Amino acid sequence: MSRYQNAGLGLALLILAIFPSLISAGDAEYQPLPAIEHPADNPWSKKKHQLGKMLFFDPRLSGNNRMSCATCHNPSLGWSDGLPKTLGRDQRELGRNAPSIINSGYFGKQFWDGRADSLEEQALVPIMGPTEMDQNLDELIDELKAIPYYYREFKKVFGTSGVTAENIAKALATFERSVLSRNAPYDKYQQGDVSSMSNSALRGMKIFFSKGRCNICHGGPLFADNSFHNIGLKPLKGRMPDLGRFKITERKEDKWVFRTPGLRDITRTGPYMHDGRFKTLEEVVEFFDRGGDPLENKSPLMQPLNLQRQEKADLIKFLQALEGEFQSVTLPDLP
């Protein structure tokens, strides 16, 4: 963590020590998901959104014309792929779980290790990745220019610049910002529909904001703090250790550190963790209940919770209440 993150962590621990009751009050501090913001240099337009959607589902963005962005971010699989670790070119297993793109437009840094600072920057990384989509950008630009629909639509959306790598990224990012999770039972309850959550889910909400201490990292409208933590995930046996954000920053304090995922629609995005080691939410809750595993540089926030069996079941019911209304996605007819 940076010195700013360390300072924030210290303050959080101090507040918890002096005013533990503040956590239990957290559920009253409801924040609905805000309107999505688009960058000044990439404003929203309907045509740009439609173009980005077309590109997102088009396998011609890959070198072998067999993979699209939707291959690893399938809307029917929580905008992920349902695999512990995603498959890249030639169906070879990659090192990490494919993070869902749900609500990704709200996150500052992208990927598990935060190596991209925006969705625009993120969009081209898997396309160019030799083990992922393995596409040469110059060849892709020529290929898209040769397709009348793309040549015409890029001109309509971006003017004289037309088909460029930057404009491909902007169109994809615009579409990805539309993938949102809203109006979950939790939202409806907070807005006055007291019948939207079961008694078990209500008990789980209290645990989430009190004994479970979940909202320390999973707070706010996203149920995520937009930060990075070492939660004590020991490297899996027989696997190459993944040092997380350390690969980007090369700072010792960033070893084993990964981005906090949002919990909205978490029921749809398993398996869980950066390496997909947990198939179920029950396994995830057990992991946090024991305070993670021993690991260098583990966050001091990771402490045993000592939840009872019913409390764990109630907590999972609350997580299920964070499942937003299903977004129906009509697949585009590719040109």
C-alpha atoms as a PDB file:
ATOM      1  CA  MET A   1       0.000   0.000   0.000  1.00  0.00           C
ATOM      2  CA  SER A   2       1.021   3.580  -0.540  1.00  0.00           C
ATOM      3  CA  ARG A   3       1.623   5.860   2.419  1.00  0.00           C
ATOM      4  CA  TYR A   4      -1.837   7.327   1.792  1.00  0.00           C
ATOM      5  CA  GLN A   5      -3.464   3.885   1.946  1.00  0.00           C
ATOM      6  CA  ASN A   6      -1.519   3.091   5.105  1.00  0.00           C
ATOM      7  CA  ALA A   7      -2.691   6.331   6.682  1.00  0.00           C
ATOM      8  CA  GLY A   8      -6.277   5.583   5.721  1.00  0.00           C
ATOM      9  CA  LEU A   9      -5.998   2.060   7.079  1.00  0.00           C
ATOM     10  CA  GLY A  10      -4.600   3.315  10.370  1.00  0.00           C
ATOM     11  CA  LEU A  11      -7.429   5.794  10.707  1.00  0.00           C
ATOM     12  CA  ALA A  12      -9.995   3.104   9.952  1.00  0.00           C
ATOM     13  CA  LEU A  13      -8.556   0.817  12.622  1.00  0.00           C
ATOM     14  CA  LEU A  14      -8.484   3.664  15.148  1.00  0.00           C
ATOM     15  CA  ILE A  15     -12.128   4.500  14.450  1.00  0.00           C
ATOM     16  CA  LEU A  16     -13.115   0.855  14.804  1.00  0.00           C
ATOM     17  CA  ALA A  17     -11.295   0.572  18.100  1.00  0.00           C
ATOM     18  CA  ILE A  18     -12.866   3.695  19.602  1.00  0.00           C
ATOM     19  CA  PHE A  19     -16.293   3.658  17.971  1.00  0.00           C
ATOM     20  CA  PRO A  20     -17.168   0.063  17.021  1.00  0.00           C
ATOM     21  CA  SER A  21     -20.849   0.961  16.942  1.00  0.00           C
ATOM     22  CA  LEU A  22     -20.251   3.079  13.845  1.00  0.00           C
ATOM     23  CA  ILE A  23     -20.039  -0.060  11.714  1.00  0.00           C
ATOM     24  CA  SER A  24     -23.488  -1.194  12.741  1.00  0.00           C
ATOM     25  CA  ALA A  25     -24.826   2.196  11.722  1.00  0.00           C
ATOM     26  CA  GLY A  26     -23.417   1.757   8.218  1.00  0.00           C
ATOM     27  CA  ASP A  27     -26.517   0.087   6.838  1.00  0.00           C
ATOM     28  CA  ALA A  28     -28.452   3.304   7.482  1.00  0.00           C
ATOM     29  CA  GLU A  29     -26.030   5.287   5.320  1.00  0.00           C
ATOM     30  CA  TYR A  30     -27.514   4.058   2.080  1.00  0.00           C
ATOM     31  CA  GLN A  31     -25.981   5.330  -1.147  1.00  0.00           C
ATOM     32  CA  PRO A  32     -27.674   4.444  -4.444  1.00  0.00           C
ATOM     33  CA  LEU A  33     -25.489   3.751  -7.442  1.00  0.00           C
ATOM     34  CA  PRO A  34     -24.758   7.195  -8.953  1.00  0.00           C
ATOM     35  CA  ALA A  35     -25.106   8.103 -12.598  1.00  0.00           C
ATOM     36  CA  ILE A  36     -22.176   6.855 -14.622  1.00  0.00           C
ATOM     37  CA  GLU A  37     -19.685   9.535 -15.675  1.00  0.00           C
ATOM     38  CA  HIS A  38     -18.004   9.540 -19.068  1.00  0.00           C
ATOM     39  CA  PRO A  39     -14.564  11.136 -19.608  1.00  0.00           C
ATOM     40  CA  ALA A  40     -14.492  14.592 -21.139  1.00  0.00           C
ATOM     41  CA  ASP A  41     -12.473  13.262 -24.072  1.00  0.00           C
ATOM     42  CA  ASN A  42     -14.874  10.350 -24.614  1.00  0.00           C
ATOM     43  CA  PRO A  43     -18.426  11.626 -24.166  1.00  0.00           C
ATOM     44  CA  TRP A  44     -21.363   9.270 -24.545  1.00  0.00           C
ATOM     45  CA  SER A  45     -23.395   9.014 -27.701  1.00  0.00           C
ATOM     46  CA  LYS A  46     -25.901   6.422 -28.808  1.00  0.00           C
ATOM     47  CA  LYS A  47     -23.987   5.647 -31.985  1.00  0.00           C
ATOM     48  CA  LYS A  48     -20.725   5.245 -30.065  1.00  0.00           C
ATOM     49  CA  HIS A  49     -22.436   2.874 -27.623  1.00  0.00           C
ATOM     50  CA  GLN A  50     -23.843   0.821 -30.510  1.00  0.00           C
ATOM     51  CA  LEU A  51     -20.460   0.705 -32.227  1.00  0.00           C
ATOM     52  CA  GLY A  52     -18.771  -0.382 -29.004  1.00  0.00           C
ATOM     53  CA  LYS A  53     -21.335  -3.131 -28.518  1.00  0.00           C
ATOM     54  CA  MET A  54     -20.712  -4.421 -32.026  1.00  0.00           C
ATOM     55  CA  LEU A  55     -16.973  -4.490 -31.415  1.00  0.00           C
ATOM     56  CA  PHE A  56     -17.384  -6.156 -28.021  1.00  0.00           C
ATOM     57  CA  PHE A  57     -19.061  -9.186 -29.585  1.00  0.00           C
ATOM     58  CA  ASP A  58     -16.971  -9.338 -32.762  1.00  0.00           C
ATOM     59  CA  PRO A  59     -14.356 -12.154 -32.863  1.00  0.00           C
ATOM     60  CA  ARG A  60     -12.458 -10.276 -35.557  1.00  0.00           C
ATOM     61  CA  LEU A  61     -10.853  -8.317 -32.738  1.00  0.00           C
ATOM     62  CA  SER A  62      -8.711 -11.424 -32.070  1.00  0.00           C
ATOM     63  CA  GLY A  63      -5.795 -12.621 -34.122  1.00  0.00           C
ATOM     64  CA  ASN A  64      -7.416 -15.935 -35.024  1.00  0.00           C
ATOM     65  CA  ASN A  65     -10.914 -14.427 -35.407  1.00  0.00           C
ATOM     66  CA  ARG A  66     -12.259 -16.861 -32.802  1.00  0.00           C
ATOM     67  CA  MET A  67     -12.353 -14.783 -29.627  1.00  0.00           C
ATOM     68  CA  SER A  68     -14.286 -11.660 -28.797  1.00  0.00           C
ATOM     69  CA  CYS A  69     -14.346  -9.575 -25.626  1.00  0.00           C
ATOM     70  CA  ALA A  70     -17.546 -11.460 -24.790  1.00  0.00           C
ATOM     71  CA  THR A  71     -15.684 -14.771 -24.812  1.00  0.00           C
ATOM     72  CA  CYS A  72     -14.272 -13.942 -21.388  1.00  0.00           C
ATOM     73  CA  HIS A  73     -17.004 -11.463 -20.423  1.00  0.00           C
ATOM     74  CA  ASN A  74     -20.195 -13.301 -21.285  1.00  0.00           C
ATOM     75  CA  PRO A  75     -23.402 -11.503 -20.227  1.00  0.00           C
ATOM     76  CA  SER A  76     -25.062 -14.829 -19.413  1.00  0.00           C
ATOM     77  CA  LEU A  77     -22.203 -15.647 -17.005  1.00  0.00           C
ATOM     78  CA  GLY A  78     -22.209 -12.437 -14.998  1.00  0.00           C
ATOM     79  CA  TRP A  79     -20.061 -10.745 -17.654  1.00  0.00           C
ATOM     80  CA  SER A  80     -17.243 -13.141 -16.796  1.00  0.00           C
ATOM     81  CA  ASP A  81     -16.681 -16.681 -18.117  1.00  0.00           C
ATOM     82  CA  GLY A  82     -17.564 -18.950 -15.193  1.00  0.00           C
ATOM     83  CA  LEU A  83     -14.070 -20.469 -15.123  1.00  0.00           C
ATOM     84  CA  PRO A  84     -11.533 -20.444 -12.287  1.00  0.00           C
ATOM     85  CA  LYS A  85      -8.952 -19.068 -14.692  1.00  0.00           C
ATOM     86  CA  THR A  86      -9.837 -17.713 -18.074  1.00  0.00           C
ATOM     87  CA  LEU A  87      -8.750 -19.313 -21.332  1.00  0.00           C
ATOM     88  CA  GLY A  88      -6.721 -17.365 -23.847  1.00  0.00           C
ATOM     89  CA  ARG A  89      -5.467 -18.051 -27.339  1.00  0.00           C
ATOM     90  CA  ASP A  90      -5.673 -21.718 -28.359  1.00  0.00           C
ATOM     91  CA  GLN A  91      -7.699 -22.434 -25.194  1.00  0.00           C
ATOM     92  CA  ARG A  92      -4.662 -22.144 -22.951  1.00  0.00           C
ATOM     93  CA  GLU A  93      -5.358 -21.363 -19.312  1.00  0.00           C
ATOM     94  CA  LEU A  94      -4.190 -17.935 -18.220  1.00  0.00           C
ATOM     95  CA  GLY A  95      -3.008 -16.903 -14.770  1.00  0.00           C
ATOM     96  CA  ARG A  96      -6.117 -15.243 -13.363  1.00  0.00           C
ATOM     97  CA  ASN A  97      -9.873 -15.329 -13.116  1.00  0.00           C
ATOM     98  CA  ALA A  98     -11.631 -13.082 -15.638  1.00  0.00           C
ATOM     99  CA  PRO A  99     -13.017 -10.176 -13.590  1.00  0.00           C
ATOM    100  CA  SER A 100     -16.612  -9.265 -14.341  1.00  0.00           C
ATOM    101  CA  ILE A 101     -17.086  -5.937 -16.109  1.00  0.00           C
ATOM    102  CA  ILE A 102     -20.269  -5.200 -14.132  1.00  0.00           C
ATOM    103  CA  ASN A 103     -19.982  -1.631 -12.811  1.00  0.00           C
ATOM    104  CA  SER A 104     -16.416  -1.436 -14.136  1.00  0.00           C
ATOM    105  CA  GLY A 105     -17.056   2.129 -15.259  1.00  0.00           C
ATOM    106  CA  TYR A 106     -17.011   3.234 -11.627  1.00  0.00           C
ATOM    107  CA  PHE A 107     -13.577   1.814 -10.870  1.00  0.00           C
ATOM    108  CA  GLY A 108     -10.526   4.010 -11.276  1.00  0.00           C
ATOM    109  CA  LYS A 109      -7.980   1.303 -11.950  1.00  0.00           C
ATOM    110  CA  GLN A 110      -8.722  -1.825 -13.961  1.00  0.00           C
ATOM    111  CA  PHE A 111      -7.597  -5.466 -13.768  1.00  0.00           C
ATOM    112  CA  TRP A 112      -6.873  -7.372 -10.559  1.00  0.00           C
ATOM    113  CA  ASP A 113      -3.529  -5.572 -10.260  1.00  0.00           C
ATOM    114  CA  GLY A 114      -4.714  -2.124 -11.365  1.00  0.00           C
ATOM    115  CA  ARG A 115      -2.321  -1.879 -14.283  1.00  0.00           C
ATOM    116  CA  ALA A 116      -4.731   0.200 -16.381  1.00  0.00           C
ATOM    117  CA  ASP A 117      -5.947   3.626 -15.257  1.00  0.00           C
ATOM    118  CA  SER A 118      -9.175   3.673 -17.277  1.00  0.00           C
ATOM    119  CA  LEU A 119     -11.531   1.500 -19.309  1.00  0.00           C
ATOM    120  CA  GLU A 120     -10.091   3.093 -22.445  1.00  0.00           C
ATOM    121  CA  GLU A 121      -6.599   1.965 -21.457  1.00  0.00           C
ATOM    122  CA  GLN A 122      -7.854  -1.441 -20.370  1.00  0.00           C
ATOM    123  CA  ALA A 123      -9.716  -2.166 -23.611  1.00  0.00           C
ATOM    124  CA  LEU A 124      -6.656  -2.691 -25.806  1.00  0.00           C
ATOM    125  CA  VAL A 125      -4.601  -4.762 -23.351  1.00  0.00           C
ATOM    126  CA  PRO A 126      -6.320  -8.146 -23.896  1.00  0.00           C
ATOM    127  CA  ILE A 127      -6.684  -7.461 -27.615  1.00  0.00           C
ATOM    128  CA  MET A 128      -2.916  -7.072 -27.993  1.00  0.00           C
ATOM    129  CA  GLY A 129      -1.965  -9.670 -25.369  1.00  0.00           C
ATOM    130  CA  PRO A 130      -0.014 -12.500 -27.052  1.00  0.00           C
ATOM    131  CA  THR A 131      -1.550 -15.091 -24.719  1.00  0.00           C
ATOM    132  CA  GLU A 132      -5.030 -13.543 -24.871  1.00  0.00           C
ATOM    133  CA  MET A 133      -6.582 -12.281 -28.123  1.00  0.00           C
ATOM    134  CA  ASP A 134      -3.180 -11.867 -29.807  1.00  0.00           C
ATOM    135  CA  GLN A 135      -4.230  -9.261 -32.341  1.00  0.00           C
ATOM    136  CA  ASN A 136      -1.881  -6.896 -34.134  1.00  0.00           C
ATOM    137  CA  LEU A 137      -3.522  -3.470 -33.919  1.00  0.00           C
ATOM    138  CA  ASP A 138      -2.357  -2.300 -37.350  1.00  0.00           C
ATOM    139  CA  GLU A 139      -3.826  -5.438 -38.911  1.00  0.00           C
ATOM    140  CA  LEU A 140      -7.043  -4.979 -36.948  1.00  0.00           C
ATOM    141  CA  ILE A 141      -7.409  -1.390 -38.138  1.00  0.00           C
ATOM    142  CA  ASP A 142      -6.941  -2.477 -41.758  1.00  0.00           C
ATOM    143  CA  GLU A 143      -9.433  -5.295 -41.265  1.00  0.00           C
ATOM    144  CA  LEU A 144     -12.100  -3.010 -39.804  1.00  0.00           C
ATOM    145  CA  LYS A 145     -11.564  -0.362 -42.486  1.00  0.00           C
ATOM    146  CA  ALA A 146     -12.235  -3.013 -45.132  1.00  0.00           C
ATOM    147  CA  ILE A 147     -15.704  -3.656 -43.671  1.00  0.00           C
ATOM    148  CA  PRO A 148     -18.133  -1.009 -44.990  1.00  0.00           C
ATOM    149  CA  TYR A 149     -20.216  -0.895 -41.800  1.00  0.00           C
ATOM    150  CA  TYR A 150     -17.217  -0.226 -39.557  1.00  0.00           C
ATOM    151  CA  TYR A 151     -15.621   2.227 -41.962  1.00  0.00           C
ATOM    152  CA  ARG A 152     -18.868   4.197 -42.148  1.00  0.00           C
ATOM    153  CA  GLU A 153     -19.770   4.068 -38.438  1.00  0.00           C
ATOM    154  CA  PHE A 154     -16.315   5.062 -37.197  1.00  0.00           C
ATOM    155  CA  LYS A 155     -16.513   8.118 -39.474  1.00  0.00           C
ATOM    156  CA  LYS A 156     -19.970   8.996 -38.118  1.00  0.00           C
ATOM    157  CA  VAL A 157     -18.862   8.655 -34.493  1.00  0.00           C
ATOM    158  CA  PHE A 158     -15.304   9.979 -34.585  1.00  0.00           C
ATOM    159  CA  GLY A 159     -15.186  12.144 -37.678  1.00  0.00           C
ATOM    160  CA  THR A 160     -12.151  12.240 -39.957  1.00  0.00           C
ATOM    161  CA  SER A 161      -9.963  10.154 -37.627  1.00  0.00           C
ATOM    162  CA  GLY A 162     -12.134   7.121 -38.379  1.00  0.00           C
ATOM    163  CA  VAL A 163     -10.798   3.705 -37.425  1.00  0.00           C
ATOM    164  CA  THR A 164      -7.875   4.051 -35.021  1.00  0.00           C
ATOM    165  CA  ALA A 165      -6.696   2.077 -32.009  1.00  0.00           C
ATOM    166  CA  GLU A 166      -7.678   4.964 -29.743  1.00  0.00           C
ATOM    167  CA  ASN A 167     -11.182   5.102 -31.203  1.00  0.00           C
ATOM    168  CA  ILE A 168     -11.618   1.331 -30.893  1.00  0.00           C
ATOM    169  CA  ALA A 169     -10.777   1.659 -27.211  1.00  0.00           C
ATOM    170  CA  LYS A 170     -13.149   4.592 -26.753  1.00  0.00           C
ATOM    171  CA  ALA A 171     -16.057   2.764 -28.354  1.00  0.00           C
ATOM    172  CA  LEU A 172     -15.473  -0.386 -26.301  1.00  0.00           C
ATOM    173  CA  ALA A 173     -15.168   1.626 -23.080  1.00  0.00           C
ATOM    174  CA  THR A 174     -18.414   3.457 -23.837  1.00  0.00           C
ATOM    175  CA  PHE A 175     -20.279   0.182 -24.177  1.00  0.00           C
ATOM    176  CA  GLU A 176     -18.659  -1.310 -21.075  1.00  0.00           C
ATOM    177  CA  ARG A 177     -19.827   1.652 -18.993  1.00  0.00           C
ATOM    178  CA  SER A 178     -23.395   0.602 -19.756  1.00  0.00           C
ATOM    179  CA  VAL A 179     -22.976  -2.743 -17.965  1.00  0.00           C
ATOM    180  CA  LEU A 180     -24.494  -1.920 -14.592  1.00  0.00           C
ATOM    181  CA  SER A 181     -26.098  -3.653 -11.627  1.00  0.00           C
ATOM    182  CA  ARG A 182     -28.986  -1.668 -10.201  1.00  0.00           C
ATOM    183  CA  ASN A 183     -32.271  -1.978  -8.348  1.00  0.00           C
ATOM    184  CA  ALA A 184     -31.330  -5.005  -6.254  1.00  0.00           C
ATOM    185  CA  PRO A 185     -33.613  -6.133  -3.410  1.00  0.00           C
ATOM    186  CA  TYR A 186     -31.257  -4.227  -1.092  1.00  0.00           C
ATOM    187  CA  ASP A 187     -31.887  -1.005  -3.032  1.00  0.00           C
ATOM    188  CA  LYS A 188     -35.638  -1.582  -2.995  1.00  0.00           C
ATOM    189  CA  TYR A 189     -35.562  -2.186   0.743  1.00  0.00           C
ATOM    190  CA  GLN A 190     -33.605   0.995   1.393  1.00  0.00           C
ATOM    191  CA  GLN A 191     -36.086   2.901  -0.770  1.00  0.00           C
ATOM    192  CA  GLY A 192     -39.043   1.736   1.308  1.00  0.00           C
ATOM    193  CA  ASP A 193     -40.045  -1.699  -0.016  1.00  0.00           C
ATOM    194  CA  VAL A 194     -39.638  -3.613   3.248  1.00  0.00           C
ATOM    195  CA  SER A 195     -40.904  -6.820   1.633  1.00  0.00           C
ATOM    196  CA  SER A 196     -37.990  -6.997  -0.813  1.00  0.00           C
ATOM    197  CA  MET A 197     -35.612  -8.675   1.672  1.00  0.00           C
ATOM    198  CA  SER A 198     -36.203 -11.755   3.771  1.00  0.00           C
ATOM    199  CA  ASN A 199     -35.671 -11.812   7.524  1.00  0.00           C
ATOM    200  CA  SER A 200     -32.527 -13.870   6.924  1.00  0.00           C
ATOM    201  CA  ALA A 201     -31.181 -11.262   4.486  1.00  0.00           C
ATOM    202  CA  LEU A 202     -31.952  -8.493   6.987  1.00  0.00           C
ATOM    203  CA  ARG A 203     -30.036 -10.339   9.691  1.00  0.00           C
ATOM    204  CA  GLY A 204     -27.220 -10.810   7.174  1.00  0.00           C
ATOM    205  CA  MET A 205     -27.212  -7.079   6.434  1.00  0.00           C
ATOM    206  CA  LYS A 206     -26.691  -6.356  10.116  1.00  0.00           C
ATOM    207  CA  ILE A 207     -23.808  -8.843  10.218  1.00  0.00           C
ATOM    208  CA  PHE A 208     -22.300  -7.319   7.070  1.00  0.00           C
ATOM    209  CA  PHE A 209     -22.174  -3.876   8.665  1.00  0.00           C
ATOM    210  CA  SER A 210     -21.260  -4.980  12.196  1.00  0.00           C
ATOM    211  CA  LYS A 211     -19.781  -8.276  13.356  1.00  0.00           C
ATOM    212  CA  GLY A 212     -18.683  -9.294   9.872  1.00  0.00           C
ATOM    213  CA  ARG A 213     -16.897  -5.939   9.289  1.00  0.00           C
ATOM    214  CA  CYS A 214     -17.382  -6.525   5.560  1.00  0.00           C
ATOM    215  CA  ASN A 215     -18.129  -2.898   4.779  1.00  0.00           C
ATOM    216  CA  ILE A 216     -14.627  -1.776   5.804  1.00  0.00           C
ATOM    217  CA  CYS A 217     -13.480  -2.787   2.317  1.00  0.00           C
ATOM    218  CA  HIS A 218     -16.863  -3.407   0.689  1.00  0.00           C
ATOM    219  CA  GLY A 219     -18.651  -0.166   1.484  1.00  0.00           C
ATOM    220  CA  GLY A 220     -20.424   2.511  -0.508  1.00  0.00           C
ATOM    221  CA  PRO A 221     -22.763   2.088  -3.466  1.00  0.00           C
ATOM    222  CA  LEU A 222     -20.382  -0.309  -5.247  1.00  0.00           C
ATOM    223  CA  PHE A 223     -19.720  -2.385  -2.134  1.00  0.00           C
ATOM    224  CA  ALA A 224     -16.037  -1.871  -2.904  1.00  0.00           C
ATOM    225  CA  ASP A 225     -13.453   0.652  -1.736  1.00  0.00           C
ATOM    226  CA  ASN A 226     -11.710   1.122  -5.105  1.00  0.00           C
ATOM    227  CA  SER A 227      -8.468   0.058  -3.451  1.00  0.00           C
ATOM    228  CA  PHE A 228      -6.104  -2.896  -3.091  1.00  0.00           C
ATOM    229  CA  HIS A 229      -5.484  -5.316  -0.229  1.00  0.00           C
ATOM    230  CA  ASN A 230      -3.574  -8.418   0.764  1.00  0.00           C
ATOM    231  CA  ILE A 231      -6.278 -10.636   2.278  1.00  0.00           C
ATOM    232  CA  GLY A 232      -4.066 -13.632   2.961  1.00  0.00           C
ATOM    233  CA  LEU A 233      -4.582 -15.823  -0.090  1.00  0.00           C
ATOM    234  CA  LYS A 234      -1.731 -18.307   0.046  1.00  0.00           C
ATOM    235  CA  PRO A 235      -0.350 -19.359  -3.353  1.00  0.00           C
ATOM    236  CA  LEU A 236      -1.983 -22.535  -4.573  1.00  0.00           C
ATOM    237  CA  LYS A 237       0.213 -25.623  -4.531  1.00  0.00           C
ATOM    238  CA  GLY A 238       1.757 -26.436  -7.873  1.00  0.00           C
ATOM    239  CA  ARG A 239       1.012 -22.977  -9.251  1.00  0.00           C
ATOM    240  CA  MET A 240       3.366 -20.137 -10.045  1.00  0.00           C
ATOM    241  CA  PRO A 241       3.001 -17.578  -7.229  1.00  0.00           C
ATOM    242  CA  ASP A 242       1.076 -14.479  -8.292  1.00  0.00           C
ATOM    243  CA  LEU A 243       2.478 -11.419  -6.522  1.00  0.00           C
ATOM    244  CA  GLY A 244      -0.403  -9.215  -7.621  1.00  0.00           C
ATOM    245  CA  ARG A 245       0.138  -5.476  -7.714  1.00  0.00           C
ATOM    246  CA  PHE A 246       3.833  -5.940  -6.911  1.00  0.00           C
ATOM    247  CA  LYS A 247       4.373  -6.801 -10.593  1.00  0.00           C
ATOM    248  CA  ILE A 248       3.237  -3.282 -11.470  1.00  0.00           C
ATOM    249  CA  THR A 249       4.740  -1.175  -8.683  1.00  0.00           C
ATOM    250  CA  GLU A 250       7.690  -3.366  -7.572  1.00  0.00           C
ATOM    251  CA  ARG A 251       7.062  -2.148  -4.026  1.00  0.00           C
ATOM    252  CA  LYS A 252       7.475  -4.720  -1.283  1.00  0.00           C
ATOM    253  CA  GLU A 253       4.265  -3.617   0.420  1.00  0.00           C
ATOM    254  CA  ASP A 254       2.310  -4.502  -2.744  1.00  0.00           C
ATOM    255  CA  LYS A 255       3.196  -8.200  -2.679  1.00  0.00           C
ATOM    256  CA  TRP A 256       0.061 -10.397  -2.751  1.00  0.00           C
ATOM    257  CA  VAL A 257      -2.099  -7.263  -3.069  1.00  0.00           C
ATOM    258  CA  PHE A 258      -5.147  -7.312  -5.377  1.00  0.00           C
ATOM    259  CA  ARG A 259      -8.060  -4.993  -6.151  1.00  0.00           C
ATOM    260  CA  THR A 260     -11.202  -5.195  -4.054  1.00  0.00           C
ATOM    261  CA  PRO A 261     -14.035  -6.473  -6.283  1.00  0.00           C
ATOM    262  CA  GLY A 262     -17.498  -4.983  -6.035  1.00  0.00           C
ATOM    263  CA  LEU A 263     -20.144  -7.195  -4.436  1.00  0.00           C
ATOM    264  CA  ARG A 264     -23.107  -6.184  -6.537  1.00  0.00           C
ATOM    265  CA  ASP A 265     -24.213  -9.210  -8.587  1.00  0.00           C
ATOM    266  CA  ILE A 266     -21.586 -11.289  -6.782  1.00  0.00           C
ATOM    267  CA  THR A 267     -23.932 -14.292  -6.991  1.00  0.00           C
ATOM    268  CA  ARG A 268     -23.558 -14.259 -10.779  1.00  0.00           C
ATOM    269  CA  THR A 269     -19.799 -13.872 -11.069  1.00  0.00           C
ATOM    270  CA  GLY A 270     -18.250 -16.978  -9.497  1.00  0.00           C
ATOM    271  CA  PRO A 271     -15.857 -18.628  -9.087  1.00  0.00           C
ATOM    272  CA  TYR A 272     -14.186 -16.165  -6.748  1.00  0.00           C
ATOM    273  CA  MET A 273     -10.826 -14.506  -6.016  1.00  0.00           C
ATOM    274  CA  HIS A 274      -8.150 -13.554  -8.515  1.00  0.00           C
ATOM    275  CA  ASP A 275      -7.333 -17.218  -9.119  1.00  0.00           C
ATOM    276  CA  GLY A 276     -10.891 -18.547  -8.969  1.00  0.00           C
ATOM    277  CA  ARG A 277     -10.063 -20.883  -6.107  1.00  0.00           C
ATOM    278  CA  PHE A 278     -13.475 -20.679  -4.423  1.00  0.00           C
ATOM    279  CA  LYS A 279     -16.446 -22.123  -6.270  1.00  0.00           C
ATOM    280  CA  THR A 280     -19.097 -20.875  -3.868  1.00  0.00           C
ATOM    281  CA  LEU A 281     -19.894 -17.918  -1.649  1.00  0.00           C
ATOM    282  CA  GLU A 282     -19.962 -20.337   1.267  1.00  0.00           C
ATOM    283  CA  GLU A 283     -16.259 -21.005   0.712  1.00  0.00           C
ATOM    284  CA  VAL A 284     -15.582 -17.269   0.516  1.00  0.00           C
ATOM    285  CA  VAL A 285     -17.387 -16.619   3.789  1.00  0.00           C
ATOM    286  CA  GLU A 286     -15.446 -19.432   5.493  1.00  0.00           C
ATOM    287  CA  PHE A 287     -12.192 -17.896   4.281  1.00  0.00           C
ATOM    288  CA  PHE A 288     -13.007 -14.482   5.717  1.00  0.00           C
ATOM    289  CA  ASP A 289     -14.425 -15.996   8.889  1.00  0.00           C
ATOM    290  CA  ARG A 290     -11.048 -17.509   9.703  1.00  0.00           C
ATOM    291  CA  GLY A 291      -9.334 -14.207   8.896  1.00  0.00           C
ATOM    292  CA  GLY A 292      -7.608 -15.423   5.767  1.00  0.00           C
ATOM    293  CA  ASP A 293      -4.429 -17.486   5.837  1.00  0.00           C
ATOM    294  CA  PRO A 294      -0.931 -16.628   7.086  1.00  0.00           C
ATOM    295  CA  LEU A 295       0.895 -14.617   4.449  1.00  0.00           C
ATOM    296  CA  GLU A 296       3.599 -11.973   4.347  1.00  0.00           C
ATOM    297  CA  ASN A 297       2.234  -8.424   4.413  1.00  0.00           C
ATOM    298  CA  LYS A 298      -1.359  -9.538   5.102  1.00  0.00           C
ATOM    299  CA  SER A 299      -3.678  -6.655   5.908  1.00  0.00           C
ATOM    300  CA  PRO A 300      -4.291  -6.134   9.651  1.00  0.00           C
ATOM    301  CA  LEU A 301      -7.962  -5.801   8.755  1.00  0.00           C
ATOM    302  CA  MET A 302      -8.037  -9.553   8.186  1.00  0.00           C
ATOM    303  CA  GLN A 303      -8.998 -10.941  11.585  1.00  0.00           C
ATOM    304  CA  PRO A 304     -11.090 -13.999  12.560  1.00  0.00           C
ATOM    305  CA  LEU A 305     -14.793 -13.148  12.730  1.00  0.00           C
ATOM    306  CA  ASN A 306     -16.065 -16.148  14.706  1.00  0.00           C
ATOM    307  CA  LEU A 307     -19.409 -16.187  12.928  1.00  0.00           C
ATOM    308  CA  GLN A 308     -21.962 -18.799  13.890  1.00  0.00           C
ATOM    309  CA  ARG A 309     -23.409 -21.169  11.302  1.00  0.00           C
ATOM    310  CA  GLN A 310     -26.689 -19.254  11.039  1.00  0.00           C
ATOM    311  CA  GLU A 311     -24.852 -15.955  10.815  1.00  0.00           C
ATOM    312  CA  LYS A 312     -22.888 -17.238   7.823  1.00  0.00           C
ATOM    313  CA  ALA A 313     -26.094 -18.394   6.146  1.00  0.00           C
ATOM    314  CA  ASP A 314     -27.723 -15.023   6.804  1.00  0.00           C
ATOM    315  CA  LEU A 315     -24.700 -13.167   5.433  1.00  0.00           C
ATOM    316  CA  ILE A 316     -24.955 -15.110   2.167  1.00  0.00           C
ATOM    317  CA  LYS A 317     -28.666 -14.269   1.966  1.00  0.00           C
ATOM    318  CA  PHE A 318     -27.710 -10.604   2.178  1.00  0.00           C
ATOM    319  CA  LEU A 319     -25.131 -11.019  -0.598  1.00  0.00           C
ATOM    320  CA  GLN A 320     -27.875 -12.554  -2.710  1.00  0.00           C
ATOM    321  CA  ALA A 321     -29.955  -9.439  -2.044  1.00  0.00           C
ATOM    322  CA  LEU A 322     -27.272  -7.429  -3.881  1.00  0.00           C
ATOM    323  CA  GLU A 323     -28.239  -9.088  -7.161  1.00  0.00           C
ATOM    324  CA  GLY A 324     -29.522  -6.380  -9.485  1.00  0.00           C
ATOM    325  CA  GLU A 325     -32.279  -6.644 -12.033  1.00  0.00           C
ATOM    326  CA  PHE A 326     -31.147  -8.768 -14.952  1.00  0.00           C
ATOM    327  CA  GLN A 327     -29.986  -6.809 -17.983  1.00  0.00           C
ATOM    328  CA  SER A 328     -31.275  -8.415 -21.150  1.00  0.00           C
ATOM    329  CA  VAL A 329     -28.657  -8.182 -23.882  1.00  0.00           C
ATOM    330  CA  THR A 330     -29.570  -8.687 -27.532  1.00  0.00           C
ATOM    331  CA  LEU A 331     -26.588  -9.944 -29.458  1.00  0.00           C
ATOM    332  CA  PRO A 332     -25.789  -7.753 -32.470  1.00  0.00           C
ATOM    333  CA  ASP A 333     -25.883  -8.981 -36.048  1.00  0.00           C
ATOM    334  CA  LEU A 334     -22.248  -8.603 -37.032  1.00  0.00           C
ATOM    335  CA  PRO A 335     -21.442  -6.909 -40.349  1.00  0.00           C
END
